Amino acid sequence: MGSRMRAEIGEQPEALRRTFDALLPEVAELEALARDTRQVLFVARGSSDNAAVYGQYLCSARAGRLASLASPSLATAYHADLDLRGVLAVAVSQSGATEEIVTTLDWARGHGARTVAITNVAGSPLAELADATLLTQAGDELAVPATKTYTTQLAAIAVLARSLAPAAAGLEPGELQRVPEAVAGMLELAPAAEELAGRLAGVVTLVVSGRGFAYSTALELALKLKETCYVTAVGLSYADLVHGPIAIVDPQTPALLVAAADGPMLPEMTGLAHRLATTGAPVYGIGGDPGFAAACRSTLPGPPGGSLPEHLAPFALVVPGQLLAEALARAKGLDPDAPRGLDKVTQTDA
């Protein structure tokens, strides 16, 4: 019997279609809300925080709006008094019920920010608080690890970025509506993910790395491997990895590298694969092009070159990694649907 996590991975193409169909008509409302803002501040934790990292890159690189990640403890513990006028605060939470995130968005609004909620639950505390809500259409997600709620958060962030972006930013509806089909194509990699899971079944520590838009995917896949497989998966950007932690990569510590099929980061990720291979470490890849694949011991391919540009590739790149995490959990005799010590709604403080 298959896991619930595996079934929900397979539901992502349709969930993305529903989400884009529901949210693209809200672009005009978002444009009006954000008109006098100059900066985007993302508020999130966990998988939602990894989605926010994608939003940081997308809003900054494609929408021309400086974006950053909030430190919620500034609101909840330090009660910092900041001038947030001109800031669009965007809280991302699948449940909309994490108290720390709700409190931080309320703090941001009280300090002058305009507020947006991205959540999968209508009527949640976060949705009730925000000036505007982007309600994702993932449907019920029963497995504890976030899969379809994560990718639909990426969709909501892309719609938000569309509302902030100038014309011809690569976020037009026609571009975004190519995403579900590309994600559907990634589901065919399930047998290859099973095979790679068999190779990794005895691994204790793993380094996961990406750069640029793929950095968010590397962080999310490291989290999935930690929570479903109990592997010490260290998620690092390319730049952070080469500034010291690369020393931990050795024949007993594989590397999993994530790259889009094009863009300025691909040569660097290919070079990193070659460099790590010289240490004797097993190097595995997700995505990239034929040169990247040749530098890795084996690769789970991403969307073919040209099907999705680099800034949209994370939607598809995360799917092979989700399949890998689910298969590896089963290979280790674990239940991927119910990782120990975790609940669907996580509260930061007891």
Protein backbone atom coordinates (compact mmCIF):
# COMPACT_ATOMS: atom_id res chain seq x y z
CA MET A 1 0.00 0.00 0.00
CA GLY A 2 1.44 3.38 -0.99
CA SER A 3 1.96 6.19 1.47
CA ARG A 4 -0.29 9.20 1.77
CA MET A 5 2.76 11.38 1.11
CA ARG A 6 3.29 9.64 -2.25
CA ALA A 7 -0.35 10.19 -3.20
CA GLU A 8 -0.13 13.87 -2.31
CA ILE A 9 3.04 14.29 -4.37
CA GLY A 10 0.99 13.01 -7.30
CA GLU A 11 -1.79 15.52 -6.63
CA GLN A 12 0.47 18.53 -7.19
CA PRO A 13 -0.20 19.20 -10.90
CA GLU A 14 -3.94 19.57 -10.33
CA ALA A 15 -3.44 21.52 -7.09
CA LEU A 16 -1.20 23.95 -8.98
CA ARG A 17 -3.76 24.36 -11.76
CA ARG A 18 -6.47 25.15 -9.24
CA THR A 19 -4.23 27.59 -7.39
CA PHE A 20 -3.17 29.55 -10.47
CA ASP A 21 -6.77 29.66 -11.72
CA ALA A 22 -7.96 30.98 -8.36
CA LEU A 23 -5.19 33.50 -7.69
CA LEU A 24 -4.26 35.06 -11.03
CA PRO A 25 -7.52 37.08 -11.05
CA GLU A 26 -6.35 38.73 -7.80
CA VAL A 27 -3.34 40.43 -9.38
CA ALA A 28 -5.09 43.80 -9.73
CA GLU A 29 -6.07 43.82 -6.03
CA LEU A 30 -2.49 42.98 -5.04
CA GLU A 31 -1.12 45.70 -7.31
CA ALA A 32 -3.32 48.25 -5.55
CA LEU A 33 -2.33 47.04 -2.08
CA ALA A 34 1.39 47.11 -2.87
CA ARG A 35 1.43 50.33 -4.91
CA ASP A 36 3.14 52.49 -2.28
CA THR A 37 5.43 49.79 -0.89
CA ARG A 38 9.10 49.45 -1.71
CA GLN A 39 10.16 46.25 0.07
CA VAL A 40 8.74 42.76 0.67
CA LEU A 41 9.23 41.10 4.05
CA PHE A 42 8.45 37.36 4.20
CA VAL A 43 7.38 35.84 7.52
CA ALA A 44 7.50 32.03 7.75
CA ARG A 45 8.93 28.93 9.39
CA GLY A 46 9.70 25.37 8.21
CA SER A 47 8.77 24.42 4.65
CA SER A 48 6.98 27.75 4.34
CA ASP A 49 10.27 29.48 5.11
CA ASN A 50 11.88 27.60 2.22
CA ALA A 51 9.06 28.80 -0.02
CA ALA A 52 9.80 32.32 1.26
CA VAL A 53 13.45 31.93 0.19
CA TYR A 54 12.13 31.32 -3.32
CA GLY A 55 10.01 34.44 -2.94
CA GLN A 56 13.05 36.43 -1.86
CA TYR A 57 14.84 35.55 -5.09
CA LEU A 58 11.77 35.89 -7.30
CA CYS A 59 10.67 39.30 -6.03
CA SER A 60 14.22 40.67 -6.07
CA ALA A 61 15.45 39.22 -9.37
CA ARG A 62 12.27 39.26 -11.47
CA ALA A 63 9.91 41.77 -9.87
CA GLY A 64 12.48 44.45 -9.06
CA ARG A 65 11.40 44.67 -5.41
CA LEU A 66 13.91 44.19 -2.59
CA ALA A 67 12.78 41.19 -0.52
CA SER A 68 14.07 39.76 2.75
CA LEU A 69 13.19 37.19 5.40
CA ALA A 70 11.84 38.28 8.77
CA SER A 71 13.17 37.12 12.12
CA PRO A 72 9.92 36.50 14.01
CA SER A 73 11.64 36.67 17.39
CA LEU A 74 12.14 40.40 16.80
CA ALA A 75 8.37 40.66 17.19
CA THR A 76 7.59 37.87 19.64
CA ALA A 77 10.55 38.02 22.03
CA TYR A 78 12.29 41.37 21.55
CA HIS A 79 9.18 43.44 20.70
CA ALA A 80 11.33 45.58 18.43
CA ASP A 81 9.99 49.00 17.50
CA LEU A 82 10.68 49.27 13.74
CA ASP A 83 9.38 51.63 11.10
CA LEU A 84 7.77 49.30 8.54
CA ARG A 85 6.01 51.92 6.46
CA GLY A 86 6.55 51.09 2.80
CA VAL A 87 6.89 47.38 3.57
CA LEU A 88 4.63 44.65 2.22
CA ALA A 89 4.70 41.94 4.90
CA VAL A 90 3.84 38.50 3.50
CA ALA A 91 3.17 35.71 5.99
CA VAL A 92 3.36 32.17 4.64
CA SER A 93 1.78 29.31 6.62
CA GLN A 94 -0.05 26.26 5.28
CA SER A 95 -2.36 26.15 8.33
CA GLY A 96 -2.55 29.86 9.01
CA ALA A 97 -2.59 28.90 12.68
CA THR A 98 1.03 29.06 13.82
CA GLU A 99 0.83 31.63 16.61
CA GLU A 100 4.34 32.98 16.06
CA ILE A 101 3.56 33.79 12.42
CA VAL A 102 0.19 35.34 13.22
CA THR A 103 1.73 37.45 16.00
CA THR A 104 4.56 38.62 13.75
CA LEU A 105 2.20 39.67 10.95
CA ASP A 106 0.07 41.56 13.48
CA TRP A 107 3.25 43.25 14.78
CA ALA A 108 4.24 44.21 11.23
CA ARG A 109 0.82 45.71 10.57
CA GLY A 110 0.99 47.64 13.83
CA HIS A 111 4.30 49.14 12.70
CA GLY A 112 2.99 50.40 9.38
CA ALA A 113 3.31 47.46 6.98
CA ARG A 114 0.66 46.36 4.54
CA THR A 115 -0.05 42.67 4.96
CA VAL A 116 -0.67 39.59 2.83
CA ALA A 117 -1.36 36.05 4.02
CA ILE A 118 -0.52 32.94 1.99
CA THR A 119 -2.33 29.97 3.50
CA ASN A 120 -4.24 26.84 2.60
CA VAL A 121 -6.99 27.33 5.19
CA ALA A 122 -9.85 29.77 4.65
CA GLY A 123 -10.93 31.56 7.80
CA SER A 124 -7.66 30.80 9.59
CA PRO A 125 -6.31 33.39 12.06
CA LEU A 126 -3.72 34.51 9.52
CA ALA A 127 -6.31 34.93 6.77
CA GLU A 128 -8.57 36.93 9.08
CA LEU A 129 -5.73 39.26 10.07
CA ALA A 130 -4.21 40.17 6.69
CA ASP A 131 -5.20 42.98 4.35
CA ALA A 132 -5.29 40.43 1.51
CA THR A 133 -5.18 36.63 1.46
CA LEU A 134 -3.85 34.35 -1.25
CA LEU A 135 -5.67 31.11 -0.50
CA THR A 136 -3.88 28.14 -2.01
CA GLN A 137 -5.94 25.31 -3.45
CA ALA A 138 -3.96 22.30 -2.29
CA GLY A 139 -6.92 20.60 -0.66
CA ASP A 140 -6.51 18.61 2.53
CA GLU A 141 -2.93 17.47 3.13
CA LEU A 142 -2.95 14.51 5.51
CA ALA A 143 0.71 13.49 5.50
CA VAL A 144 2.78 15.54 7.93
CA PRO A 145 5.53 16.43 5.40
CA ALA A 146 4.44 19.33 3.22
CA THR A 147 4.42 18.52 -0.50
CA LYS A 148 1.44 19.97 -2.36
CA THR A 149 1.04 22.76 0.19
CA TYR A 150 4.67 23.71 -0.47
CA THR A 151 4.37 23.88 -4.26
CA THR A 152 1.07 25.76 -4.10
CA GLN A 153 2.78 28.27 -1.82
CA LEU A 154 5.35 28.74 -4.59
CA ALA A 155 2.42 29.37 -6.94
CA ALA A 156 0.93 32.01 -4.65
CA ILE A 157 4.34 33.68 -4.35
CA ALA A 158 4.68 33.71 -8.14
CA VAL A 159 1.29 35.42 -8.43
CA LEU A 160 2.37 37.95 -5.81
CA ALA A 161 5.59 38.61 -7.72
CA ARG A 162 3.54 38.99 -10.90
CA SER A 163 1.57 41.79 -9.22
CA LEU A 164 4.81 43.60 -8.32
CA ALA A 165 6.69 43.03 -11.56
CA PRO A 166 7.08 45.22 -14.62
CA ALA A 167 5.95 43.88 -17.97
CA ALA A 168 7.90 41.03 -19.58
CA ALA A 169 9.25 39.69 -16.29
CA GLY A 170 8.60 36.08 -17.25
CA LEU A 171 5.66 35.87 -14.86
CA GLU A 172 2.85 36.31 -17.37
CA PRO A 173 -0.15 33.97 -16.98
CA GLY A 174 0.90 31.93 -20.00
CA GLU A 175 4.30 31.29 -18.42
CA LEU A 176 2.86 30.34 -15.05
CA GLN A 177 0.28 28.03 -16.57
CA ARG A 178 3.09 25.90 -18.05
CA VAL A 179 4.12 24.89 -14.54
CA PRO A 180 1.53 22.16 -13.79
CA GLU A 181 2.38 20.19 -16.93
CA ALA A 182 6.09 20.36 -16.15
CA VAL A 183 5.43 19.12 -12.61
CA ALA A 184 3.31 16.27 -13.98
CA GLY A 185 6.26 15.17 -16.10
CA MET A 186 8.44 14.88 -13.01
CA LEU A 187 6.15 12.24 -11.51
CA GLU A 188 7.49 9.78 -14.08
CA LEU A 189 10.80 9.78 -12.17
CA ALA A 190 9.38 7.67 -9.32
CA PRO A 191 11.23 4.47 -10.40
CA ALA A 192 14.54 6.35 -10.67
CA ALA A 193 13.94 7.89 -7.24
CA GLU A 194 13.36 4.40 -5.82
CA GLU A 195 16.67 3.24 -7.30
CA LEU A 196 18.58 6.18 -5.83
CA ALA A 197 16.88 5.65 -2.47
CA GLY A 198 18.33 2.14 -2.45
CA ARG A 199 21.83 3.58 -2.87
CA LEU A 200 21.30 6.04 -0.02
CA ALA A 201 19.62 3.68 2.45
CA GLY A 202 22.70 3.42 4.64
CA VAL A 203 23.68 7.10 4.52
CA VAL A 204 23.80 8.95 7.84
CA THR A 205 24.91 12.41 6.69
CA LEU A 206 24.22 14.10 3.36
CA VAL A 207 24.96 17.57 2.00
CA VAL A 208 22.29 19.18 -0.19
CA SER A 209 23.28 22.26 -2.15
CA GLY A 210 21.97 24.65 -4.79
CA ARG A 211 22.43 28.27 -5.75
CA GLY A 212 20.19 31.08 -6.91
CA PHE A 213 16.60 30.06 -7.48
CA ALA A 214 17.48 26.40 -6.78
CA TYR A 215 18.77 27.26 -3.30
CA SER A 216 15.22 27.19 -1.93
CA THR A 217 14.78 23.70 -3.39
CA ALA A 218 17.98 22.47 -1.75
CA LEU A 219 16.78 23.75 1.62
CA GLU A 220 13.38 22.13 1.19
CA LEU A 221 14.83 18.77 0.14
CA ALA A 222 17.25 18.80 3.08
CA LEU A 223 14.28 19.37 5.38
CA LYS A 224 12.29 16.55 3.76
CA LEU A 225 15.20 14.12 4.18
CA LYS A 226 15.63 15.12 7.82
CA GLU A 227 12.01 14.85 8.83
CA THR A 228 11.00 11.75 6.85
CA CYS A 229 14.25 9.73 6.78
CA TYR A 230 16.03 10.93 9.95
CA VAL A 231 19.12 11.66 7.86
CA THR A 232 21.40 14.51 8.91
CA ALA A 233 20.86 16.42 5.67
CA VAL A 234 22.73 19.71 5.63
CA GLY A 235 21.11 22.24 3.28
CA LEU A 236 23.59 24.87 2.07
CA SER A 237 23.93 27.34 -0.75
CA TYR A 238 26.83 26.77 -3.14
CA ALA A 239 28.58 29.85 -1.73
CA ASP A 240 28.18 28.78 1.91
CA LEU A 241 29.34 25.25 1.11
CA VAL A 242 32.60 26.29 -0.54
CA HIS A 243 33.40 28.71 2.30
CA GLY A 244 34.27 25.92 4.71
CA PRO A 245 31.64 23.19 5.16
CA ILE A 246 32.85 21.51 1.96
CA ALA A 247 35.40 19.86 4.26
CA ILE A 248 32.73 17.47 5.60
CA VAL A 249 32.08 15.96 2.15
CA ASP A 250 33.98 12.66 1.83
CA PRO A 251 33.41 9.09 0.61
CA GLN A 252 30.99 8.48 3.50
CA THR A 253 29.14 11.80 3.07
CA PRO A 254 27.42 12.10 -0.30
CA ALA A 255 26.36 15.36 -1.91
CA LEU A 256 23.01 15.97 -3.59
CA LEU A 257 23.24 18.98 -5.91
CA VAL A 258 20.24 20.80 -7.38
CA ALA A 259 20.43 22.92 -10.54
CA ALA A 260 18.13 24.33 -13.20
CA ALA A 261 18.73 23.43 -16.84
CA ASP A 262 19.86 26.97 -17.68
CA GLY A 263 20.80 30.25 -16.05
CA PRO A 264 24.01 31.73 -14.61
CA MET A 265 24.28 29.22 -11.75
CA LEU A 266 24.48 26.09 -13.89
CA PRO A 267 28.23 26.33 -14.71
CA GLU A 268 29.06 26.86 -11.03
CA MET A 269 26.98 23.85 -9.95
CA THR A 270 28.61 21.72 -12.65
CA GLY A 271 32.03 22.83 -11.44
CA LEU A 272 31.05 22.01 -7.87
CA ALA A 273 30.03 18.49 -8.91
CA HIS A 274 33.46 17.96 -10.51
CA ARG A 275 35.24 19.38 -7.45
CA LEU A 276 33.34 17.20 -4.98
CA ALA A 277 33.90 14.10 -7.08
CA THR A 278 37.67 14.53 -6.67
CA THR A 279 37.23 13.97 -2.91
CA GLY A 280 35.85 10.51 -3.58
CA ALA A 281 32.40 11.57 -2.38
CA PRO A 282 29.40 10.15 -4.19
CA VAL A 283 27.82 13.10 -6.02
CA TYR A 284 24.19 12.88 -7.07
CA GLY A 285 22.22 15.49 -8.99
CA ILE A 286 18.71 16.76 -9.53
CA GLY A 287 18.10 18.73 -12.71
CA GLY A 288 20.85 20.45 -14.67
CA ASP A 289 21.88 19.72 -18.25
CA PRO A 290 23.91 16.88 -19.85
CA GLY A 291 27.20 18.40 -18.67
CA PHE A 292 25.93 18.57 -15.10
CA ALA A 293 24.65 15.00 -15.30
CA ALA A 294 28.00 13.79 -16.60
CA ALA A 295 29.73 15.29 -13.56
CA CYS A 296 27.45 13.37 -11.15
CA ARG A 297 27.40 9.67 -10.32
CA SER A 298 23.70 9.64 -11.21
CA THR A 299 21.02 12.28 -11.74
CA LEU A 300 17.28 12.64 -11.42
CA PRO A 301 16.55 14.91 -14.39
CA GLY A 302 14.62 18.13 -14.01
CA PRO A 303 12.33 19.70 -16.59
CA PRO A 304 13.87 19.64 -20.08
CA GLY A 305 15.73 22.78 -21.13
CA GLY A 306 13.27 25.35 -22.43
CA SER A 307 10.19 23.87 -20.74
CA LEU A 308 10.57 26.08 -17.66
CA PRO A 309 13.02 28.99 -17.25
CA GLU A 310 15.35 29.07 -14.27
CA HIS A 311 13.06 31.26 -12.19
CA LEU A 312 10.19 28.76 -12.48
CA ALA A 313 12.28 25.56 -12.39
CA PRO A 314 11.97 25.16 -8.58
CA PHE A 315 8.35 24.07 -9.00
CA ALA A 316 9.53 20.99 -10.90
CA LEU A 317 12.96 20.45 -9.32
CA VAL A 318 11.46 19.80 -5.89
CA VAL A 319 9.35 16.86 -7.12
CA PRO A 320 12.19 14.33 -7.74
CA GLY A 321 13.50 15.19 -4.30
CA GLN A 322 10.09 14.65 -2.72
CA LEU A 323 9.88 11.26 -4.45
CA LEU A 324 13.38 10.44 -3.21
CA ALA A 325 12.59 11.36 0.40
CA GLU A 326 9.39 9.29 0.39
CA ALA A 327 11.12 6.28 -1.17
CA LEU A 328 14.12 6.54 1.16
CA ALA A 329 11.87 6.63 4.23
CA ARG A 330 10.21 3.39 3.11
CA ALA A 331 13.58 1.84 2.26
CA LYS A 332 14.64 2.52 5.86
CA GLY A 333 11.44 0.98 7.24
CA LEU A 334 9.98 4.34 8.27
CA ASP A 335 6.49 5.78 7.82
CA PRO A 336 6.88 8.93 5.68
CA ASP A 337 3.38 10.09 6.58
CA ALA A 338 3.99 10.42 10.31
CA PRO A 339 7.56 11.40 11.27
CA ARG A 340 8.27 11.05 14.97
CA GLY A 341 7.75 14.11 17.14
CA LEU A 342 5.97 16.16 14.46
CA ASP A 343 2.42 17.40 13.97
CA LYS A 344 0.79 19.01 10.96
CA VAL A 345 0.55 22.38 12.72
CA THR A 346 3.82 23.31 14.40
CA GLN A 347 3.96 25.87 17.17
CA THR A 348 7.45 27.29 17.73
CA ASP A 349 7.08 27.61 21.50
CA ALA A 350 5.50 25.13 23.88
